[in-house]
Full PDB file with SEQRES, HELIX, SHEET, SSBOND, CRYST1, ORIGX, SCALE, CONECT and MASTER records, all heavy atoms in Angstrom:
SEQRES   1 A   40  ALA SER THR LEU LEU ALA GLN ARG SER LEU HIS GLU HIS          
SEQRES   2 A   40  VAL THR ARG VAL ALA GLU GLY LEU GLU GLN ASP GLY LEU          
SEQRES   3 A   40  ASP GLY GLY ARG ALA ALA VAL ALA MET ILE VAL GLY ARG          
SEQRES   4 A   40  ASN                                                          
HELIX    1 AA1 SER A    2  LEU A    4  5                                   3    
HELIX    2 AA2 GLN A    7  VAL A   33  1                                  27    
CRYST1    1.000    1.000    1.000  90.00  90.00  90.00 P 1           1          
ORIGX1      1.000000  0.000000  0.000000        0.00000                         
ORIGX2      0.000000  1.000000  0.000000        0.00000                         
ORIGX3      0.000000  0.000000  1.000000        0.00000                         
SCALE1      1.000000  0.000000  0.000000        0.00000                         
SCALE2      0.000000  1.000000  0.000000        0.00000                         
SCALE3      0.000000  0.000000  1.000000        0.00000                         
ATOM      1  N   ALA A   1       6.015  17.624 -15.440  1.00  0.00           N  
ATOM      2  CA  ALA A   1       5.982  17.914 -14.047  1.00  0.00           C  
ATOM      3  C   ALA A   1       5.185  16.886 -13.294  1.00  0.00           C  
ATOM      4  O   ALA A   1       5.480  16.522 -12.133  1.00  0.00           O  
ATOM      5  CB  ALA A   1       5.479  19.329 -13.778  1.00  0.00           C  
ATOM      6  N   SER A   2       4.072  16.368 -13.911  1.00  0.00           N  
ATOM      7  CA  SER A   2       3.209  15.424 -13.201  1.00  0.00           C  
ATOM      8  C   SER A   2       3.936  14.066 -12.805  1.00  0.00           C  
ATOM      9  O   SER A   2       3.472  13.433 -11.943  1.00  0.00           O  
ATOM     10  CB  SER A   2       2.054  15.101 -14.101  1.00  0.00           C  
ATOM     11  OG  SER A   2       2.395  14.171 -15.206  1.00  0.00           O  
ATOM     12  N   THR A   3       5.059  13.816 -13.513  1.00  0.00           N  
ATOM     13  CA  THR A   3       5.787  12.555 -13.141  1.00  0.00           C  
ATOM     14  C   THR A   3       6.381  12.647 -11.797  1.00  0.00           C  
ATOM     15  O   THR A   3       6.856  11.653 -11.224  1.00  0.00           O  
ATOM     16  CB  THR A   3       6.876  12.278 -14.224  1.00  0.00           C  
ATOM     17  OG1 THR A   3       7.876  13.338 -14.149  1.00  0.00           O  
ATOM     18  CG2 THR A   3       6.246  12.230 -15.616  1.00  0.00           C  
ATOM     19  N   LEU A   4       6.485  13.901 -11.226  1.00  0.00           N  
ATOM     20  CA  LEU A   4       7.162  14.164  -9.924  1.00  0.00           C  
ATOM     21  C   LEU A   4       6.133  14.328  -8.821  1.00  0.00           C  
ATOM     22  O   LEU A   4       6.509  14.688  -7.679  1.00  0.00           O  
ATOM     23  CB  LEU A   4       8.085  15.285 -10.014  1.00  0.00           C  
ATOM     24  CG  LEU A   4       9.242  15.186 -11.037  1.00  0.00           C  
ATOM     25  CD1 LEU A   4      10.052  16.421 -11.138  1.00  0.00           C  
ATOM     26  CD2 LEU A   4      10.127  13.975 -10.709  1.00  0.00           C  
ATOM     27  N   LEU A   5       4.872  14.058  -9.095  1.00  0.00           N  
ATOM     28  CA  LEU A   5       3.787  14.068  -8.160  1.00  0.00           C  
ATOM     29  C   LEU A   5       3.306  12.580  -7.924  1.00  0.00           C  
ATOM     30  O   LEU A   5       3.528  11.750  -8.852  1.00  0.00           O  
ATOM     31  CB  LEU A   5       2.660  14.930  -8.623  1.00  0.00           C  
ATOM     32  CG  LEU A   5       2.941  16.401  -8.735  1.00  0.00           C  
ATOM     33  CD1 LEU A   5       1.873  17.125  -9.546  1.00  0.00           C  
ATOM     34  CD2 LEU A   5       3.085  17.092  -7.371  1.00  0.00           C  
ATOM     35  N   ALA A   6       2.583  12.396  -6.880  1.00  0.00           N  
ATOM     36  CA  ALA A   6       2.256  10.962  -6.585  1.00  0.00           C  
ATOM     37  C   ALA A   6       0.879  10.761  -5.975  1.00  0.00           C  
ATOM     38  O   ALA A   6       0.626   9.850  -5.142  1.00  0.00           O  
ATOM     39  CB  ALA A   6       3.300  10.384  -5.579  1.00  0.00           C  
ATOM     40  N   GLN A   7      -0.146  11.604  -6.397  1.00  0.00           N  
ATOM     41  CA  GLN A   7      -1.470  11.479  -5.860  1.00  0.00           C  
ATOM     42  C   GLN A   7      -2.018  10.036  -6.130  1.00  0.00           C  
ATOM     43  O   GLN A   7      -2.544   9.342  -5.257  1.00  0.00           O  
ATOM     44  CB  GLN A   7      -2.370  12.457  -6.520  1.00  0.00           C  
ATOM     45  CG  GLN A   7      -2.048  13.970  -6.275  1.00  0.00           C  
ATOM     46  CD  GLN A   7      -2.843  14.779  -7.263  1.00  0.00           C  
ATOM     47  OE1 GLN A   7      -3.783  15.453  -6.855  1.00  0.00           O  
ATOM     48  NE2 GLN A   7      -2.461  14.846  -8.467  1.00  0.00           N  
ATOM     49  N   ARG A   8      -1.976   9.681  -7.410  1.00  0.00           N  
ATOM     50  CA  ARG A   8      -2.625   8.448  -7.821  1.00  0.00           C  
ATOM     51  C   ARG A   8      -1.881   7.180  -7.247  1.00  0.00           C  
ATOM     52  O   ARG A   8      -2.566   6.295  -6.687  1.00  0.00           O  
ATOM     53  CB  ARG A   8      -2.618   8.342  -9.349  1.00  0.00           C  
ATOM     54  CG  ARG A   8      -3.441   7.168  -9.921  1.00  0.00           C  
ATOM     55  CD  ARG A   8      -3.293   7.171 -11.424  1.00  0.00           C  
ATOM     56  NE  ARG A   8      -4.138   6.112 -12.018  1.00  0.00           N  
ATOM     57  CZ  ARG A   8      -5.311   6.342 -12.569  1.00  0.00           C  
ATOM     58  NH1 ARG A   8      -5.858   7.557 -12.594  1.00  0.00           N  
ATOM     59  NH2 ARG A   8      -6.038   5.331 -13.090  1.00  0.00           N  
ATOM     60  N   SER A   9      -0.604   7.152  -7.371  1.00  0.00           N  
ATOM     61  CA  SER A   9       0.174   5.986  -6.909  1.00  0.00           C  
ATOM     62  C   SER A   9       0.037   5.845  -5.392  1.00  0.00           C  
ATOM     63  O   SER A   9      -0.056   4.684  -4.832  1.00  0.00           O  
ATOM     64  CB  SER A   9       1.657   6.037  -7.258  1.00  0.00           C  
ATOM     65  OG  SER A   9       2.284   7.176  -6.687  1.00  0.00           O  
ATOM     66  N   LEU A  10       0.041   6.950  -4.641  1.00  0.00           N  
ATOM     67  CA  LEU A  10      -0.083   6.869  -3.136  1.00  0.00           C  
ATOM     68  C   LEU A  10      -1.471   6.291  -2.806  1.00  0.00           C  
ATOM     69  O   LEU A  10      -1.577   5.387  -1.949  1.00  0.00           O  
ATOM     70  CB  LEU A  10       0.044   8.248  -2.497  1.00  0.00           C  
ATOM     71  CG  LEU A  10      -0.130   8.306  -1.011  1.00  0.00           C  
ATOM     72  CD1 LEU A  10       0.797   7.367  -0.290  1.00  0.00           C  
ATOM     73  CD2 LEU A  10       0.043   9.760  -0.532  1.00  0.00           C  
ATOM     74  N   HIS A  11      -2.496   6.713  -3.432  1.00  0.00           N  
ATOM     75  CA  HIS A  11      -3.830   6.212  -3.251  1.00  0.00           C  
ATOM     76  C   HIS A  11      -3.864   4.743  -3.542  1.00  0.00           C  
ATOM     77  O   HIS A  11      -4.448   3.936  -2.746  1.00  0.00           O  
ATOM     78  CB  HIS A  11      -4.864   6.951  -4.062  1.00  0.00           C  
ATOM     79  CG  HIS A  11      -6.288   6.690  -3.694  1.00  0.00           C  
ATOM     80  ND1 HIS A  11      -6.975   5.541  -4.104  1.00  0.00           N  
ATOM     81  CD2 HIS A  11      -7.182   7.367  -2.965  1.00  0.00           C  
ATOM     82  CE1 HIS A  11      -8.171   5.598  -3.614  1.00  0.00           C  
ATOM     83  NE2 HIS A  11      -8.341   6.624  -2.913  1.00  0.00           N  
ATOM     84  N   GLU A  12      -3.322   4.300  -4.603  1.00  0.00           N  
ATOM     85  CA  GLU A  12      -3.294   2.848  -5.015  1.00  0.00           C  
ATOM     86  C   GLU A  12      -2.538   1.975  -4.020  1.00  0.00           C  
ATOM     87  O   GLU A  12      -3.033   0.934  -3.605  1.00  0.00           O  
ATOM     88  CB  GLU A  12      -2.717   2.735  -6.403  1.00  0.00           C  
ATOM     89  CG  GLU A  12      -3.558   3.260  -7.502  1.00  0.00           C  
ATOM     90  CD  GLU A  12      -2.827   3.274  -8.841  1.00  0.00           C  
ATOM     91  OE1 GLU A  12      -1.632   3.046  -8.894  1.00  0.00           O  
ATOM     92  OE2 GLU A  12      -3.515   3.543  -9.896  1.00  0.00           O  
ATOM     93  N   HIS A  13      -1.423   2.445  -3.567  1.00  0.00           N  
ATOM     94  CA  HIS A  13      -0.591   1.602  -2.643  1.00  0.00           C  
ATOM     95  C   HIS A  13      -1.340   1.467  -1.260  1.00  0.00           C  
ATOM     96  O   HIS A  13      -1.271   0.403  -0.674  1.00  0.00           O  
ATOM     97  CB  HIS A  13       0.807   2.264  -2.445  1.00  0.00           C  
ATOM     98  CG  HIS A  13       1.714   1.943  -3.527  1.00  0.00           C  
ATOM     99  ND1 HIS A  13       1.930   2.768  -4.687  1.00  0.00           N  
ATOM    100  CD2 HIS A  13       2.530   0.841  -3.736  1.00  0.00           C  
ATOM    101  CE1 HIS A  13       2.827   2.171  -5.456  1.00  0.00           C  
ATOM    102  NE2 HIS A  13       3.226   1.050  -4.894  1.00  0.00           N  
ATOM    103  N   VAL A  14      -1.918   2.571  -0.767  1.00  0.00           N  
ATOM    104  CA  VAL A  14      -2.504   2.499   0.534  1.00  0.00           C  
ATOM    105  C   VAL A  14      -3.801   1.658   0.419  1.00  0.00           C  
ATOM    106  O   VAL A  14      -4.164   0.900   1.351  1.00  0.00           O  
ATOM    107  CB  VAL A  14      -2.782   3.891   1.112  1.00  0.00           C  
ATOM    108  CG1 VAL A  14      -3.562   3.821   2.366  1.00  0.00           C  
ATOM    109  CG2 VAL A  14      -1.456   4.663   1.291  1.00  0.00           C  
ATOM    110  N   THR A  15      -4.557   1.793  -0.718  1.00  0.00           N  
ATOM    111  CA  THR A  15      -5.747   0.988  -0.888  1.00  0.00           C  
ATOM    112  C   THR A  15      -5.382  -0.516  -0.853  1.00  0.00           C  
ATOM    113  O   THR A  15      -6.138  -1.306  -0.295  1.00  0.00           O  
ATOM    114  CB  THR A  15      -6.343   1.317  -2.270  1.00  0.00           C  
ATOM    115  OG1 THR A  15      -6.811   2.687  -2.251  1.00  0.00           O  
ATOM    116  CG2 THR A  15      -7.602   0.447  -2.483  1.00  0.00           C  
ATOM    117  N   ARG A  16      -4.238  -0.861  -1.422  1.00  0.00           N  
ATOM    118  CA  ARG A  16      -3.820  -2.291  -1.383  1.00  0.00           C  
ATOM    119  C   ARG A  16      -3.623  -2.801   0.036  1.00  0.00           C  
ATOM    120  O   ARG A  16      -3.839  -4.009   0.289  1.00  0.00           O  
ATOM    121  CB  ARG A  16      -2.491  -2.463  -2.242  1.00  0.00           C  
ATOM    122  CG  ARG A  16      -2.703  -2.292  -3.685  1.00  0.00           C  
ATOM    123  CD  ARG A  16      -1.456  -2.697  -4.481  1.00  0.00           C  
ATOM    124  NE  ARG A  16      -1.611  -2.266  -5.841  1.00  0.00           N  
ATOM    125  CZ  ARG A  16      -0.830  -1.335  -6.437  1.00  0.00           C  
ATOM    126  NH1 ARG A  16       0.118  -0.799  -5.698  1.00  0.00           N  
ATOM    127  NH2 ARG A  16      -1.062  -0.986  -7.756  1.00  0.00           N  
ATOM    128  N   VAL A  17      -3.238  -1.951   0.950  1.00  0.00           N  
ATOM    129  CA  VAL A  17      -3.095  -2.420   2.338  1.00  0.00           C  
ATOM    130  C   VAL A  17      -4.463  -2.715   2.896  1.00  0.00           C  
ATOM    131  O   VAL A  17      -4.689  -3.800   3.558  1.00  0.00           O  
ATOM    132  CB  VAL A  17      -2.375  -1.338   3.252  1.00  0.00           C  
ATOM    133  CG1 VAL A  17      -2.250  -1.922   4.609  1.00  0.00           C  
ATOM    134  CG2 VAL A  17      -1.052  -1.046   2.641  1.00  0.00           C  
ATOM    135  N   ALA A  18      -5.480  -1.910   2.712  1.00  0.00           N  
ATOM    136  CA  ALA A  18      -6.805  -2.240   3.083  1.00  0.00           C  
ATOM    137  C   ALA A  18      -7.344  -3.455   2.498  1.00  0.00           C  
ATOM    138  O   ALA A  18      -7.927  -4.259   3.153  1.00  0.00           O  
ATOM    139  CB  ALA A  18      -7.755  -1.031   2.782  1.00  0.00           C  
ATOM    140  N   GLU A  19      -7.131  -3.609   1.158  1.00  0.00           N  
ATOM    141  CA  GLU A  19      -7.600  -4.836   0.472  1.00  0.00           C  
ATOM    142  C   GLU A  19      -6.892  -6.045   1.014  1.00  0.00           C  
ATOM    143  O   GLU A  19      -7.477  -7.130   1.227  1.00  0.00           O  
ATOM    144  CB  GLU A  19      -7.356  -4.703  -1.040  1.00  0.00           C  
ATOM    145  CG  GLU A  19      -8.225  -3.647  -1.643  1.00  0.00           C  
ATOM    146  CD  GLU A  19      -7.841  -3.334  -3.129  1.00  0.00           C  
ATOM    147  OE1 GLU A  19      -6.746  -3.758  -3.556  1.00  0.00           O  
ATOM    148  OE2 GLU A  19      -8.686  -2.734  -3.846  1.00  0.00           O  
ATOM    149  N   GLY A  20      -5.574  -5.904   1.308  1.00  0.00           N  
ATOM    150  CA  GLY A  20      -4.845  -7.039   1.855  1.00  0.00           C  
ATOM    151  C   GLY A  20      -5.334  -7.534   3.187  1.00  0.00           C  
ATOM    152  O   GLY A  20      -5.510  -8.757   3.439  1.00  0.00           O  
ATOM    153  N   LEU A  21      -5.661  -6.550   4.027  1.00  0.00           N  
ATOM    154  CA  LEU A  21      -6.255  -6.925   5.336  1.00  0.00           C  
ATOM    155  C   LEU A  21      -7.609  -7.566   5.221  1.00  0.00           C  
ATOM    156  O   LEU A  21      -7.967  -8.524   5.844  1.00  0.00           O  
ATOM    157  CB  LEU A  21      -6.310  -5.717   6.265  1.00  0.00           C  
ATOM    158  CG  LEU A  21      -5.038  -5.143   6.805  1.00  0.00           C  
ATOM    159  CD1 LEU A  21      -5.235  -3.808   7.593  1.00  0.00           C  
ATOM    160  CD2 LEU A  21      -4.348  -6.153   7.791  1.00  0.00           C  
ATOM    161  N   GLU A  22      -8.449  -6.966   4.331  1.00  0.00           N  
ATOM    162  CA  GLU A  22      -9.802  -7.415   4.114  1.00  0.00           C  
ATOM    163  C   GLU A  22      -9.818  -8.841   3.472  1.00  0.00           C  
ATOM    164  O   GLU A  22     -10.726  -9.691   3.831  1.00  0.00           O  
ATOM    165  CB  GLU A  22     -10.555  -6.434   3.272  1.00  0.00           C  
ATOM    166  CG  GLU A  22     -10.867  -5.076   3.966  1.00  0.00           C  
ATOM    167  CD  GLU A  22     -11.301  -4.020   3.084  1.00  0.00           C  
ATOM    168  OE1 GLU A  22     -11.179  -4.183   1.786  1.00  0.00           O  
ATOM    169  OE2 GLU A  22     -11.752  -2.997   3.505  1.00  0.00           O  
ATOM    170  N   GLN A  23      -8.959  -9.122   2.580  1.00  0.00           N  
ATOM    171  CA  GLN A  23      -9.009 -10.293   1.767  1.00  0.00           C  
ATOM    172  C   GLN A  23      -8.143 -11.456   2.304  1.00  0.00           C  
ATOM    173  O   GLN A  23      -8.505 -12.596   2.235  1.00  0.00           O  
ATOM    174  CB  GLN A  23      -8.665 -10.021   0.331  1.00  0.00           C  
ATOM    175  CG  GLN A  23      -9.619  -9.083  -0.380  1.00  0.00           C  
ATOM    176  CD  GLN A  23      -9.135  -8.572  -1.710  1.00  0.00           C  
ATOM    177  OE1 GLN A  23      -8.150  -9.102  -2.289  1.00  0.00           O  
ATOM    178  NE2 GLN A  23      -9.773  -7.514  -2.303  1.00  0.00           N  
ATOM    179  N   ASP A  24      -6.940 -11.069   2.848  1.00  0.00           N  
ATOM    180  CA  ASP A  24      -5.972 -12.102   3.275  1.00  0.00           C  
ATOM    181  C   ASP A  24      -5.523 -11.940   4.676  1.00  0.00           C  
ATOM    182  O   ASP A  24      -4.506 -12.614   5.064  1.00  0.00           O  
ATOM    183  CB  ASP A  24      -4.787 -12.068   2.320  1.00  0.00           C  
ATOM    184  CG  ASP A  24      -5.174 -12.334   0.828  1.00  0.00           C  
ATOM    185  OD1 ASP A  24      -5.819 -13.331   0.548  1.00  0.00           O  
ATOM    186  OD2 ASP A  24      -4.836 -11.502   0.014  1.00  0.00           O  
ATOM    187  N   GLY A  25      -6.213 -11.108   5.477  1.00  0.00           N  
ATOM    188  CA  GLY A  25      -5.835 -11.024   6.822  1.00  0.00           C  
ATOM    189  C   GLY A  25      -4.480 -10.351   7.098  1.00  0.00           C  
ATOM    190  O   GLY A  25      -4.030  -9.578   6.303  1.00  0.00           O  
ATOM    191  N   LEU A  26      -3.923 -10.668   8.237  1.00  0.00           N  
ATOM    192  CA  LEU A  26      -2.628 -10.122   8.622  1.00  0.00           C  
ATOM    193  C   LEU A  26      -1.546 -10.301   7.653  1.00  0.00           C  
ATOM    194  O   LEU A  26      -0.781  -9.337   7.296  1.00  0.00           O  
ATOM    195  CB  LEU A  26      -2.203 -10.673   9.981  1.00  0.00           C  
ATOM    196  CG  LEU A  26      -0.982 -10.091  10.582  1.00  0.00           C  
ATOM    197  CD1 LEU A  26      -0.978  -8.626  10.751  1.00  0.00           C  
ATOM    198  CD2 LEU A  26      -0.664 -10.752  11.953  1.00  0.00           C  
ATOM    199  N   ASP A  27      -1.393 -11.497   7.042  1.00  0.00           N  
ATOM    200  CA  ASP A  27      -0.291 -11.714   6.076  1.00  0.00           C  
ATOM    201  C   ASP A  27      -0.498 -10.794   4.899  1.00  0.00           C  
ATOM    202  O   ASP A  27       0.499 -10.318   4.369  1.00  0.00           O  
ATOM    203  CB  ASP A  27      -0.328 -13.236   5.699  1.00  0.00           C  
ATOM    204  CG  ASP A  27       0.173 -14.141   6.736  1.00  0.00           C  
ATOM    205  OD1 ASP A  27       0.825 -13.650   7.711  1.00  0.00           O  
ATOM    206  OD2 ASP A  27      -0.077 -15.331   6.692  1.00  0.00           O  
ATOM    207  N   GLY A  28      -1.696 -10.675   4.399  1.00  0.00           N  
ATOM    208  CA  GLY A  28      -1.962  -9.827   3.241  1.00  0.00           C  
ATOM    209  C   GLY A  28      -1.644  -8.375   3.564  1.00  0.00           C  
ATOM    210  O   GLY A  28      -1.081  -7.614   2.745  1.00  0.00           O  
ATOM    211  N   GLY A  29      -2.038  -7.932   4.731  1.00  0.00           N  
ATOM    212  CA  GLY A  29      -1.728  -6.568   5.151  1.00  0.00           C  
ATOM    213  C   GLY A  29      -0.267  -6.298   5.286  1.00  0.00           C  
ATOM    214  O   GLY A  29       0.232  -5.238   4.781  1.00  0.00           O  
ATOM    215  N   ARG A  30       0.462  -7.278   5.854  1.00  0.00           N  
ATOM    216  CA  ARG A  30       1.863  -7.100   6.085  1.00  0.00           C  
ATOM    217  C   ARG A  30       2.578  -7.000   4.712  1.00  0.00           C  
ATOM    218  O   ARG A  30       3.515  -6.148   4.549  1.00  0.00           O  
ATOM    219  CB  ARG A  30       2.390  -8.230   6.886  1.00  0.00           C  
ATOM    220  CG  ARG A  30       2.250  -8.113   8.408  1.00  0.00           C  
ATOM    221  CD  ARG A  30       2.630  -9.358   9.094  1.00  0.00           C  
ATOM    222  NE  ARG A  30       2.592  -9.256  10.549  1.00  0.00           N  
ATOM    223  CZ  ARG A  30       2.870 -10.247  11.377  1.00  0.00           C  
ATOM    224  NH1 ARG A  30       3.196 -11.467  10.849  1.00  0.00           N  
ATOM    225  NH2 ARG A  30       2.828 -10.041  12.695  1.00  0.00           N  
ATOM    226  N   ALA A  31       2.213  -7.862   3.741  1.00  0.00           N  
ATOM    227  CA  ALA A  31       2.871  -7.834   2.480  1.00  0.00           C  
ATOM    228  C   ALA A  31       2.669  -6.509   1.783  1.00  0.00           C  
ATOM    229  O   ALA A  31       3.527  -5.998   1.080  1.00  0.00           O  
ATOM    230  CB  ALA A  31       2.311  -8.987   1.634  1.00  0.00           C  
ATOM    231  N   ALA A  32       1.409  -5.956   1.856  1.00  0.00           N  
ATOM    232  CA  ALA A  32       1.113  -4.737   1.188  1.00  0.00           C  
ATOM    233  C   ALA A  32       1.805  -3.540   1.823  1.00  0.00           C  
ATOM    234  O   ALA A  32       2.281  -2.684   1.141  1.00  0.00           O  
ATOM    235  CB  ALA A  32      -0.392  -4.530   1.051  1.00  0.00           C  
ATOM    236  N   VAL A  33       1.789  -3.490   3.142  1.00  0.00           N  
ATOM    237  CA  VAL A  33       2.297  -2.305   3.825  1.00  0.00           C  
ATOM    238  C   VAL A  33       3.845  -2.320   3.760  1.00  0.00           C  
ATOM    239  O   VAL A  33       4.441  -1.208   3.837  1.00  0.00           O  
ATOM    240  CB  VAL A  33       1.887  -2.347   5.336  1.00  0.00           C  
ATOM    241  CG1 VAL A  33       2.763  -3.152   6.257  1.00  0.00           C  
ATOM    242  CG2 VAL A  33       1.831  -0.868   5.864  1.00  0.00           C  
ATOM    243  N   ALA A  34       4.488  -3.473   3.553  1.00  0.00           N  
ATOM    244  CA  ALA A  34       5.952  -3.492   3.410  1.00  0.00           C  
ATOM    245  C   ALA A  34       6.391  -2.694   2.145  1.00  0.00           C  
ATOM    246  O   ALA A  34       7.606  -2.311   2.105  1.00  0.00           O  
ATOM    247  CB  ALA A  34       6.423  -4.973   3.337  1.00  0.00           C  
ATOM    248  N   MET A  35       5.518  -2.521   1.205  1.00  0.00           N  
ATOM    249  CA  MET A  35       5.835  -1.855   0.040  1.00  0.00           C  
ATOM    250  C   MET A  35       5.889  -0.290   0.204  1.00  0.00           C  
ATOM    251  O   MET A  35       6.452   0.425  -0.647  1.00  0.00           O  
ATOM    252  CB  MET A  35       4.821  -2.082  -1.117  1.00  0.00           C  
ATOM    253  CG  MET A  35       4.672  -3.584  -1.400  1.00  0.00           C  
ATOM    254  SD  MET A  35       6.221  -4.350  -1.994  1.00  0.00           S  
ATOM    255  CE  MET A  35       6.441  -3.464  -3.558  1.00  0.00           C  
ATOM    256  N   ILE A  36       5.348   0.222   1.323  1.00  0.00           N  
ATOM    257  CA  ILE A  36       5.250   1.682   1.472  1.00  0.00           C  
ATOM    258  C   ILE A  36       5.871   2.197   2.856  1.00  0.00           C  
ATOM    259  O   ILE A  36       5.898   3.432   2.993  1.00  0.00           O  
ATOM    260  CB  ILE A  36       3.779   2.115   1.378  1.00  0.00           C  
ATOM    261  CG1 ILE A  36       2.907   1.484   2.453  1.00  0.00           C  
ATOM    262  CG2 ILE A  36       3.242   1.918  -0.021  1.00  0.00           C  
ATOM    263  CD1 ILE A  36       1.454   2.079   2.466  1.00  0.00           C  
ATOM    264  N   VAL A  37       6.290   1.321   3.714  1.00  0.00           N  
ATOM    265  CA  VAL A  37       6.856   1.790   4.932  1.00  0.00           C  
ATOM    266  C   VAL A  37       8.260   1.121   5.145  1.00  0.00           C  
ATOM    267  O   VAL A  37       8.528   0.023   4.685  1.00  0.00           O  
ATOM    268  CB  VAL A  37       5.943   1.548   6.158  1.00  0.00           C  
ATOM    269  CG1 VAL A  37       4.640   2.212   5.964  1.00  0.00           C  
ATOM    270  CG2 VAL A  37       5.764   0.024   6.356  1.00  0.00           C  
ATOM    271  N   GLY A  38       9.111   1.781   5.991  1.00  0.00           N  
ATOM    272  CA  GLY A  38      10.400   1.233   6.233  1.00  0.00           C  
ATOM    273  C   GLY A  38      10.420   0.328   7.499  1.00  0.00           C  
ATOM    274  O   GLY A  38      11.461  -0.303   7.734  1.00  0.00           O  
ATOM    275  N   ARG A  39       9.370   0.357   8.287  1.00  0.00           N  
ATOM    276  CA  ARG A  39       9.383  -0.406   9.535  1.00  0.00           C  
ATOM    277  C   ARG A  39       9.257  -1.954   9.193  1.00  0.00           C  
ATOM    278  O   ARG A  39       8.827  -2.312   8.170  1.00  0.00           O  
ATOM    279  CB  ARG A  39       8.311   0.001  10.443  1.00  0.00           C  
ATOM    280  CG  ARG A  39       6.916  -0.306   9.985  1.00  0.00           C  
ATOM    281  CD  ARG A  39       5.847   0.557  10.780  1.00  0.00           C  
ATOM    282  NE  ARG A  39       6.044   1.938  10.547  1.00  0.00           N  
ATOM    283  CZ  ARG A  39       5.270   2.877  11.056  1.00  0.00           C  
ATOM    284  NH1 ARG A  39       4.284   2.540  11.915  1.00  0.00           N  
ATOM    285  NH2 ARG A  39       5.429   4.166  10.772  1.00  0.00           N  
ATOM    286  N   ASN A  40       9.631  -2.729  10.183  1.00  0.00           N  
ATOM    287  CA  ASN A  40       9.613  -4.178  10.077  1.00  0.00           C  
ATOM    288  C   ASN A  40       8.160  -4.656  10.134  1.00  0.00           C  
ATOM    289  O   ASN A  40       7.534  -4.650  11.158  1.00  0.00           O  
ATOM    290  CB  ASN A  40      10.466  -4.825  11.200  1.00  0.00           C  
ATOM    291  CG  ASN A  40      10.660  -6.319  10.990  1.00  0.00           C  
ATOM    292  OD1 ASN A  40       9.947  -6.917  10.210  1.00  0.00           O  
ATOM    293  ND2 ASN A  40      11.556  -6.865  11.751  1.00  0.00           N  
TER     294      ASN A  40                                                      
MASTER        0    0    0    2    0    0    0    6  293    1    0    4          
END                                                                             
């Protein structure tokens, strides 16, 4: 059943967006957020 929950993976993906902005600025943030949202 745990394979159908996403606590850990959601935390990891959103953390990467913060890290992308902090480390690589706008380009890093855009690359990371593109993995979790459908917007352009």
